[in-house]
Amino acid sequence: MNQILRSASTASVAVFLFSGPCWAQGEAAALWRQGIAGGKDVAVLAAAWRPQGLKFLPVISNYLDLSQLERKLNELESKIKMDLSFTKNTSGTGFYCNEKNPPAVNSLLIGGNAEQAGLNLGDEIVKVNGQNVTSYQQIDAVTEDVLQLTLATEKTVTVRKQALPTMSLELLMQLAEESQKCRRTLNELRRQAAAASADPRAIAALAGQSRTLDTRITQLGDVLREELQRYLGTYRSAAS
């Protein structure tokens, strides 16, 4: 029994809560307290043990893994933060280049100034306003409102900076607020899990709440993904 309980999870402390012999219940509770005291992420398996001859077979009914939920929420929050940073770029050339030397255009704002000026996907830029360039960073660093681009074909294209479409700031702020609510819920689940000790009913209830929270985080991620796709749809890329 001790081997089963200790090997149930290598990444966290796994605890079986069951109706069975008193010595077994005591060992499960001890392992639970060890996990809490050690400050480890605790995965709880609420199970019922059914006697069959001299053996007891586990039937898992609930699983609570708050560490996995936290990783999922961390990823969502990171994406929201990154997308919010993009909304600050409200003005620009309307084109982006790859990391090659010379940099080649790999994304164009559909109907933007650059496209209307005759810039095409795949065009290699060798000079900007008379200065040689070897990387896209040099193009991004140009502060003038008008860029005279000299292409590898010796063609010249003049591009005026313009207001750029961005992801919806209002929507991103709403998603950030909802993710904060999820964070508070997760912290509360951790607090309740620590207080639940070896109460199978309490753990089962927490497992249900964790599944609800997981669903909510997934929904927020789906909304963010749809908004990103809408934004990317305003550009014509070399891959399309």
C-alpha atoms as a PDB file:
ATOM      1  CA  MET A   1       0.000   0.000   0.000  1.00  0.00           C
ATOM      2  CA  ASN A   2       2.792   2.409   0.890  1.00  0.00           C
ATOM      3  CA  GLN A   3       4.450   1.785  -2.497  1.00  0.00           C
ATOM      4  CA  ILE A   4       1.177   2.402  -4.382  1.00  0.00           C
ATOM      5  CA  LEU A   5       0.554   5.700  -2.603  1.00  0.00           C
ATOM      6  CA  ARG A   6       4.084   6.991  -3.050  1.00  0.00           C
ATOM      7  CA  SER A   7       4.412   6.004  -6.716  1.00  0.00           C
ATOM      8  CA  ALA A   8       1.028   7.402  -7.801  1.00  0.00           C
ATOM      9  CA  SER A   9       2.658  10.632  -9.022  1.00  0.00           C
ATOM     10  CA  THR A  10       6.309  11.459  -9.590  1.00  0.00           C
ATOM     11  CA  ALA A  11       5.728  15.201 -10.073  1.00  0.00           C
ATOM     12  CA  SER A  12       3.619  15.741  -6.968  1.00  0.00           C
ATOM     13  CA  VAL A  13       2.309  14.066  -3.863  1.00  0.00           C
ATOM     14  CA  ALA A  14      -0.608  11.762  -4.644  1.00  0.00           C
ATOM     15  CA  VAL A  15      -3.038  10.759  -1.914  1.00  0.00           C
ATOM     16  CA  PHE A  16      -5.752   8.141  -1.977  1.00  0.00           C
ATOM     17  CA  LEU A  17      -8.796   8.803   0.185  1.00  0.00           C
ATOM     18  CA  PHE A  18     -10.895   5.707   0.622  1.00  0.00           C
ATOM     19  CA  SER A  19     -13.131   3.720   2.867  1.00  0.00           C
ATOM     20  CA  GLY A  20     -10.991   0.826   4.021  1.00  0.00           C
ATOM     21  CA  PRO A  21      -8.882  -0.407   6.898  1.00  0.00           C
ATOM     22  CA  CYS A  22      -8.025   2.163   9.540  1.00  0.00           C
ATOM     23  CA  TRP A  23      -4.281   1.662   9.061  1.00  0.00           C
ATOM     24  CA  ALA A  24      -4.611   2.500   5.383  1.00  0.00           C
ATOM     25  CA  GLN A  25      -6.648   5.644   6.057  1.00  0.00           C
ATOM     26  CA  GLY A  26      -4.057   6.769   8.581  1.00  0.00           C
ATOM     27  CA  GLU A  27      -1.225   6.327   6.097  1.00  0.00           C
ATOM     28  CA  ALA A  28      -3.082   8.313   3.427  1.00  0.00           C
ATOM     29  CA  ALA A  29      -3.706  11.158   5.867  1.00  0.00           C
ATOM     30  CA  ALA A  30      -0.046  11.156   6.906  1.00  0.00           C
ATOM     31  CA  LEU A  31       1.109  11.450   3.300  1.00  0.00           C
ATOM     32  CA  TRP A  32      -1.396  14.266   2.749  1.00  0.00           C
ATOM     33  CA  ARG A  33      -0.006  16.212   5.718  1.00  0.00           C
ATOM     34  CA  GLN A  34       3.530  15.570   4.481  1.00  0.00           C
ATOM     35  CA  GLY A  35       2.699  17.120   1.115  1.00  0.00           C
ATOM     36  CA  ILE A  36       1.131  20.226   2.680  1.00  0.00           C
ATOM     37  CA  ALA A  37       3.939  20.684   5.208  1.00  0.00           C
ATOM     38  CA  GLY A  38       6.567  20.284   2.506  1.00  0.00           C
ATOM     39  CA  GLY A  39       5.002  23.012   0.407  1.00  0.00           C
ATOM     40  CA  LYS A  40       4.627  20.692  -2.581  1.00  0.00           C
ATOM     41  CA  ASP A  41       1.966  20.745  -5.270  1.00  0.00           C
ATOM     42  CA  VAL A  42      -0.575  18.175  -4.219  1.00  0.00           C
ATOM     43  CA  ALA A  43      -2.534  15.970  -6.577  1.00  0.00           C
ATOM     44  CA  VAL A  44      -5.442  14.363  -4.775  1.00  0.00           C
ATOM     45  CA  LEU A  45      -7.003  11.125  -5.888  1.00  0.00           C
ATOM     46  CA  ALA A  46     -10.307  10.517  -4.109  1.00  0.00           C
ATOM     47  CA  ALA A  47     -10.945   6.804  -4.476  1.00  0.00           C
ATOM     48  CA  ALA A  48     -13.143   4.070  -3.071  1.00  0.00           C
ATOM     49  CA  TRP A  49     -11.508   0.774  -2.225  1.00  0.00           C
ATOM     50  CA  ARG A  50     -13.634  -2.299  -2.763  1.00  0.00           C
ATOM     51  CA  PRO A  51     -12.679  -5.543  -0.993  1.00  0.00           C
ATOM     52  CA  GLN A  52     -12.211  -8.506  -3.311  1.00  0.00           C
ATOM     53  CA  GLY A  53     -10.878 -11.449  -1.339  1.00  0.00           C
ATOM     54  CA  LEU A  54      -7.663 -10.281   0.263  1.00  0.00           C
ATOM     55  CA  LYS A  55      -7.138  -7.459  -2.248  1.00  0.00           C
ATOM     56  CA  PHE A  56      -8.394  -3.876  -2.423  1.00  0.00           C
ATOM     57  CA  LEU A  57      -8.860  -2.402  -5.920  1.00  0.00           C
ATOM     58  CA  PRO A  58      -8.959   1.418  -6.355  1.00  0.00           C
ATOM     59  CA  VAL A  59     -11.805   3.112  -8.241  1.00  0.00           C
ATOM     60  CA  ILE A  60     -10.777   6.720  -8.945  1.00  0.00           C
ATOM     61  CA  SER A  61     -13.697   9.141  -8.727  1.00  0.00           C
ATOM     62  CA  ASN A  62     -12.047  12.572  -8.582  1.00  0.00           C
ATOM     63  CA  TYR A  63      -8.688  14.076  -9.448  1.00  0.00           C
ATOM     64  CA  LEU A  64      -7.467  17.472  -8.305  1.00  0.00           C
ATOM     65  CA  ASP A  65      -4.277  18.819  -9.891  1.00  0.00           C
ATOM     66  CA  LEU A  66      -3.902  22.503  -9.114  1.00  0.00           C
ATOM     67  CA  SER A  67      -0.340  22.672 -10.441  1.00  0.00           C
ATOM     68  CA  GLN A  68      -1.578  21.843 -13.950  1.00  0.00           C
ATOM     69  CA  LEU A  69      -4.264  24.515 -13.664  1.00  0.00           C
ATOM     70  CA  GLU A  70      -1.664  27.062 -12.604  1.00  0.00           C
ATOM     71  CA  ARG A  71       0.554  26.266 -15.612  1.00  0.00           C
ATOM     72  CA  LYS A  72      -2.423  26.729 -17.914  1.00  0.00           C
ATOM     73  CA  LEU A  73      -3.350  30.044 -16.298  1.00  0.00           C
ATOM     74  CA  ASN A  74       0.268  31.251 -16.410  1.00  0.00           C
ATOM     75  CA  GLU A  75       0.360  30.585 -20.146  1.00  0.00           C
ATOM     76  CA  LEU A  76      -2.888  32.503 -20.694  1.00  0.00           C
ATOM     77  CA  GLU A  77      -1.684  35.494 -18.662  1.00  0.00           C
ATOM     78  CA  SER A  78       1.609  35.542 -20.569  1.00  0.00           C
ATOM     79  CA  LYS A  79      -0.178  35.625 -23.934  1.00  0.00           C
ATOM     80  CA  ILE A  80      -2.518  38.414 -22.808  1.00  0.00           C
ATOM     81  CA  LYS A  81       0.441  40.491 -21.600  1.00  0.00           C
ATOM     82  CA  MET A  82       2.303  39.993 -24.883  1.00  0.00           C
ATOM     83  CA  ASP A  83      -0.757  40.887 -26.988  1.00  0.00           C
ATOM     84  CA  LEU A  84      -1.353  44.004 -24.892  1.00  0.00           C
ATOM     85  CA  SER A  85       2.169  45.147 -25.759  1.00  0.00           C
ATOM     86  CA  PHE A  86       1.271  44.928 -29.457  1.00  0.00           C
ATOM     87  CA  THR A  87      -1.574  47.413 -29.039  1.00  0.00           C
ATOM     88  CA  LYS A  88       0.996  50.125 -28.264  1.00  0.00           C
ATOM     89  CA  ASN A  89       2.249  50.021 -31.857  1.00  0.00           C
ATOM     90  CA  THR A  90      -0.496  52.229 -33.290  1.00  0.00           C
ATOM     91  CA  SER A  91       1.658  53.688 -36.081  1.00  0.00           C
ATOM     92  CA  GLY A  92       4.066  52.078 -38.481  1.00  0.00           C
ATOM     93  CA  THR A  93       5.067  51.177 -42.035  1.00  0.00           C
ATOM     94  CA  GLY A  94       2.463  48.463 -42.567  1.00  0.00           C
ATOM     95  CA  PHE A  95       5.047  45.857 -43.528  1.00  0.00           C
ATOM     96  CA  TYR A  96       7.360  43.458 -41.708  1.00  0.00           C
ATOM     97  CA  CYS A  97      10.562  41.735 -42.789  1.00  0.00           C
ATOM     98  CA  ASN A  98      12.234  38.452 -41.965  1.00  0.00           C
ATOM     99  CA  GLU A  99      15.600  38.028 -40.224  1.00  0.00           C
ATOM    100  CA  LYS A 100      17.627  37.442 -43.375  1.00  0.00           C
ATOM    101  CA  ASN A 101      20.320  39.669 -44.859  1.00  0.00           C
ATOM    102  CA  PRO A 102      19.111  41.541 -46.769  1.00  0.00           C
ATOM    103  CA  PRO A 103      15.738  41.602 -44.987  1.00  0.00           C
ATOM    104  CA  ALA A 104      12.839  40.469 -47.171  1.00  0.00           C
ATOM    105  CA  VAL A 105       9.211  41.550 -46.799  1.00  0.00           C
ATOM    106  CA  ASN A 106       7.192  38.663 -45.320  1.00  0.00           C
ATOM    107  CA  SER A 107       4.053  40.487 -44.158  1.00  0.00           C
ATOM    108  CA  LEU A 108       2.030  43.331 -45.680  1.00  0.00           C
ATOM    109  CA  LEU A 109      -0.961  45.222 -44.323  1.00  0.00           C
ATOM    110  CA  ILE A 110      -3.770  44.516 -46.783  1.00  0.00           C
ATOM    111  CA  GLY A 111      -4.626  47.783 -48.557  1.00  0.00           C
ATOM    112  CA  GLY A 112      -2.001  49.649 -46.532  1.00  0.00           C
ATOM    113  CA  ASN A 113       0.332  52.410 -47.728  1.00  0.00           C
ATOM    114  CA  ALA A 114       3.197  50.018 -48.406  1.00  0.00           C
ATOM    115  CA  GLU A 115       1.106  47.688 -50.551  1.00  0.00           C
ATOM    116  CA  GLN A 116      -0.423  50.592 -52.445  1.00  0.00           C
ATOM    117  CA  ALA A 117       3.044  52.035 -53.051  1.00  0.00           C
ATOM    118  CA  GLY A 118       4.028  48.844 -54.854  1.00  0.00           C
ATOM    119  CA  LEU A 119       5.882  46.904 -52.172  1.00  0.00           C
ATOM    120  CA  ASN A 120       5.423  43.132 -52.565  1.00  0.00           C
ATOM    121  CA  LEU A 121       5.960  40.053 -50.456  1.00  0.00           C
ATOM    122  CA  GLY A 122       9.476  38.754 -50.929  1.00  0.00           C
ATOM    123  CA  ASP A 123      10.986  42.129 -51.881  1.00  0.00           C
ATOM    124  CA  GLU A 124      14.512  42.422 -50.455  1.00  0.00           C
ATOM    125  CA  ILE A 125      15.338  45.822 -48.956  1.00  0.00           C
ATOM    126  CA  VAL A 126      18.980  46.936 -49.198  1.00  0.00           C
ATOM    127  CA  LYS A 127      18.663  50.643 -48.356  1.00  0.00           C
ATOM    128  CA  VAL A 128      16.322  52.902 -46.379  1.00  0.00           C
ATOM    129  CA  ASN A 129      16.551  56.654 -46.987  1.00  0.00           C
ATOM    130  CA  GLY A 130      19.936  56.119 -48.610  1.00  0.00           C
ATOM    131  CA  GLN A 131      21.392  54.082 -45.727  1.00  0.00           C
ATOM    132  CA  ASN A 132      22.449  50.456 -46.197  1.00  0.00           C
ATOM    133  CA  VAL A 133      20.477  47.974 -44.107  1.00  0.00           C
ATOM    134  CA  THR A 134      21.303  44.380 -43.288  1.00  0.00           C
ATOM    135  CA  SER A 135      18.577  43.548 -40.766  1.00  0.00           C
ATOM    136  CA  TYR A 136      14.912  44.276 -40.070  1.00  0.00           C
ATOM    137  CA  GLN A 137      15.890  45.997 -36.797  1.00  0.00           C
ATOM    138  CA  GLN A 138      17.498  48.817 -38.791  1.00  0.00           C
ATOM    139  CA  ILE A 139      14.251  49.338 -40.693  1.00  0.00           C
ATOM    140  CA  ASP A 140      12.188  49.305 -37.494  1.00  0.00           C
ATOM    141  CA  ALA A 141      14.531  51.886 -35.955  1.00  0.00           C
ATOM    142  CA  VAL A 142      13.844  54.516 -38.658  1.00  0.00           C
ATOM    143  CA  THR A 143      12.041  57.462 -37.059  1.00  0.00           C
ATOM    144  CA  GLU A 144      11.132  59.425 -40.195  1.00  0.00           C
ATOM    145  CA  ASP A 145       7.502  59.343 -41.298  1.00  0.00           C
ATOM    146  CA  VAL A 146       8.488  58.634 -44.896  1.00  0.00           C
ATOM    147  CA  LEU A 147      10.733  55.730 -45.883  1.00  0.00           C
ATOM    148  CA  GLN A 148      12.380  55.545 -49.293  1.00  0.00           C
ATOM    149  CA  LEU A 149      13.124  51.873 -49.800  1.00  0.00           C
ATOM    150  CA  THR A 150      15.718  50.681 -52.280  1.00  0.00           C
ATOM    151  CA  LEU A 151      15.150  47.063 -53.254  1.00  0.00           C
ATOM    152  CA  ALA A 152      17.685  44.481 -54.390  1.00  0.00           C
ATOM    153  CA  THR A 153      16.204  44.864 -57.867  1.00  0.00           C
ATOM    154  CA  GLU A 154      17.193  48.578 -57.677  1.00  0.00           C
ATOM    155  CA  LYS A 155      13.505  49.512 -57.679  1.00  0.00           C
ATOM    156  CA  THR A 156      12.626  52.362 -55.304  1.00  0.00           C
ATOM    157  CA  VAL A 157       9.421  52.365 -53.218  1.00  0.00           C
ATOM    158  CA  THR A 158       8.346  55.280 -51.049  1.00  0.00           C
ATOM    159  CA  VAL A 159       6.246  54.353 -48.000  1.00  0.00           C
ATOM    160  CA  ARG A 160       4.566  56.757 -45.581  1.00  0.00           C
ATOM    161  CA  LYS A 161       3.894  55.517 -42.066  1.00  0.00           C
ATOM    162  CA  GLN A 162       0.247  55.157 -41.096  1.00  0.00           C
ATOM    163  CA  ALA A 163      -2.108  54.194 -38.292  1.00  0.00           C
ATOM    164  CA  LEU A 164      -2.045  50.420 -37.882  1.00  0.00           C
ATOM    165  CA  PRO A 165      -4.828  48.033 -36.899  1.00  0.00           C
ATOM    166  CA  THR A 166      -4.339  46.390 -33.510  1.00  0.00           C
ATOM    167  CA  MET A 167      -5.979  43.768 -31.412  1.00  0.00           C
ATOM    168  CA  SER A 168      -8.954  45.097 -29.454  1.00  0.00           C
ATOM    169  CA  LEU A 169      -7.604  46.862 -26.358  1.00  0.00           C
ATOM    170  CA  GLU A 170     -11.028  46.687 -24.712  1.00  0.00           C
ATOM    171  CA  LEU A 171     -11.255  42.942 -25.235  1.00  0.00           C
ATOM    172  CA  LEU A 172      -7.704  42.336 -24.009  1.00  0.00           C
ATOM    173  CA  MET A 173      -8.387  44.363 -20.860  1.00  0.00           C
ATOM    174  CA  GLN A 174     -11.519  42.294 -20.237  1.00  0.00           C
ATOM    175  CA  LEU A 175      -9.544  39.083 -20.692  1.00  0.00           C
ATOM    176  CA  ALA A 176      -6.879  40.370 -18.293  1.00  0.00           C
ATOM    177  CA  GLU A 177      -9.572  41.106 -15.709  1.00  0.00           C
ATOM    178  CA  GLU A 178     -11.127  37.658 -16.142  1.00  0.00           C
ATOM    179  CA  SER A 179      -7.731  35.987 -15.825  1.00  0.00           C
ATOM    180  CA  GLN A 180      -7.209  37.828 -12.527  1.00  0.00           C
ATOM    181  CA  LYS A 181     -10.518  36.417 -11.294  1.00  0.00           C
ATOM    182  CA  CYS A 182      -9.304  32.950 -12.278  1.00  0.00           C
ATOM    183  CA  ARG A 183      -6.097  33.586 -10.324  1.00  0.00           C
ATOM    184  CA  ARG A 184      -8.061  34.505  -7.204  1.00  0.00           C
ATOM    185  CA  THR A 185     -10.214  31.405  -7.605  1.00  0.00           C
ATOM    186  CA  LEU A 186      -7.118  29.228  -7.954  1.00  0.00           C
ATOM    187  CA  ASN A 187      -5.567  30.731  -4.815  1.00  0.00           C
ATOM    188  CA  GLU A 188      -8.794  30.043  -2.926  1.00  0.00           C
ATOM    189  CA  LEU A 189      -8.811  26.445  -4.146  1.00  0.00           C
ATOM    190  CA  ARG A 190      -5.275  26.031  -2.830  1.00  0.00           C
ATOM    191  CA  ARG A 191      -6.319  27.423   0.540  1.00  0.00           C
ATOM    192  CA  GLN A 192      -9.342  25.133   0.748  1.00  0.00           C
ATOM    193  CA  ALA A 193      -7.304  22.110  -0.360  1.00  0.00           C
ATOM    194  CA  ALA A 194      -4.861  22.720   2.480  1.00  0.00           C
ATOM    195  CA  ALA A 195      -7.754  22.946   4.944  1.00  0.00           C
ATOM    196  CA  ALA A 196      -9.615  19.923   3.561  1.00  0.00           C
ATOM    197  CA  SER A 197      -7.042  17.472   4.912  1.00  0.00           C
ATOM    198  CA  ALA A 198      -8.344  13.915   4.433  1.00  0.00           C
ATOM    199  CA  ASP A 199     -12.037  14.764   3.921  1.00  0.00           C
ATOM    200  CA  PRO A 200     -13.077  12.914   0.729  1.00  0.00           C
ATOM    201  CA  ARG A 201     -16.299  14.903   0.317  1.00  0.00           C
ATOM    202  CA  ALA A 202     -14.454  18.223   0.512  1.00  0.00           C
ATOM    203  CA  ILE A 203     -11.844  17.032  -1.948  1.00  0.00           C
ATOM    204  CA  ALA A 204     -14.536  15.810  -4.345  1.00  0.00           C
ATOM    205  CA  ALA A 205     -16.180  19.260  -4.204  1.00  0.00           C
ATOM    206  CA  LEU A 206     -12.853  20.981  -4.857  1.00  0.00           C
ATOM    207  CA  ALA A 207     -12.218  18.671  -7.806  1.00  0.00           C
ATOM    208  CA  GLY A 208     -15.532  19.799  -9.291  1.00  0.00           C
ATOM    209  CA  GLN A 209     -14.623  23.459  -8.801  1.00  0.00           C
ATOM    210  CA  SER A 210     -11.219  22.897 -10.399  1.00  0.00           C
ATOM    211  CA  ARG A 211     -12.873  21.423 -13.502  1.00  0.00           C
ATOM    212  CA  THR A 212     -15.125  24.485 -13.725  1.00  0.00           C
ATOM    213  CA  LEU A 213     -12.082  26.752 -13.464  1.00  0.00           C
ATOM    214  CA  ASP A 214     -10.260  24.721 -16.121  1.00  0.00           C
ATOM    215  CA  THR A 215     -13.213  25.161 -18.479  1.00  0.00           C
ATOM    216  CA  ARG A 216     -13.232  28.919 -17.873  1.00  0.00           C
ATOM    217  CA  ILE A 217      -9.511  29.266 -18.594  1.00  0.00           C
ATOM    218  CA  THR A 218     -10.000  27.296 -21.812  1.00  0.00           C
ATOM    219  CA  GLN A 219     -12.853  29.605 -22.851  1.00  0.00           C
ATOM    220  CA  LEU A 220     -10.716  32.711 -22.273  1.00  0.00           C
ATOM    221  CA  GLY A 221      -7.916  31.167 -24.314  1.00  0.00           C
ATOM    222  CA  ASP A 222     -10.319  30.473 -27.171  1.00  0.00           C
ATOM    223  CA  VAL A 223     -11.522  34.103 -27.192  1.00  0.00           C
ATOM    224  CA  LEU A 224      -7.933  35.349 -27.233  1.00  0.00           C
ATOM    225  CA  ARG A 225      -7.048  33.008 -30.091  1.00  0.00           C
ATOM    226  CA  GLU A 226     -10.022  34.200 -32.166  1.00  0.00           C
ATOM    227  CA  GLU A 227      -9.040  37.845 -31.661  1.00  0.00           C
ATOM    228  CA  LEU A 228      -5.461  37.089 -32.682  1.00  0.00           C
ATOM    229  CA  GLN A 229      -6.686  35.382 -35.858  1.00  0.00           C
ATOM    230  CA  ARG A 230      -8.847  38.413 -36.676  1.00  0.00           C
ATOM    231  CA  TYR A 231      -5.844  40.709 -36.261  1.00  0.00           C
ATOM    232  CA  LEU A 232      -3.542  38.489 -38.336  1.00  0.00           C
ATOM    233  CA  GLY A 233      -6.201  38.452 -41.038  1.00  0.00           C
ATOM    234  CA  THR A 234      -5.546  42.156 -41.695  1.00  0.00           C
ATOM    235  CA  TYR A 235      -2.104  41.221 -43.067  1.00  0.00           C
ATOM    236  CA  ARG A 236      -1.025  39.299 -46.128  1.00  0.00           C
ATOM    237  CA  SER A 237       1.832  36.960 -45.225  1.00  0.00           C
ATOM    238  CA  ALA A 238       4.427  35.153 -47.306  1.00  0.00           C
ATOM    239  CA  ALA A 239       3.028  31.836 -46.080  1.00  0.00           C
ATOM    240  CA  SER A 240      -0.468  32.509 -47.454  1.00  0.00           C
END
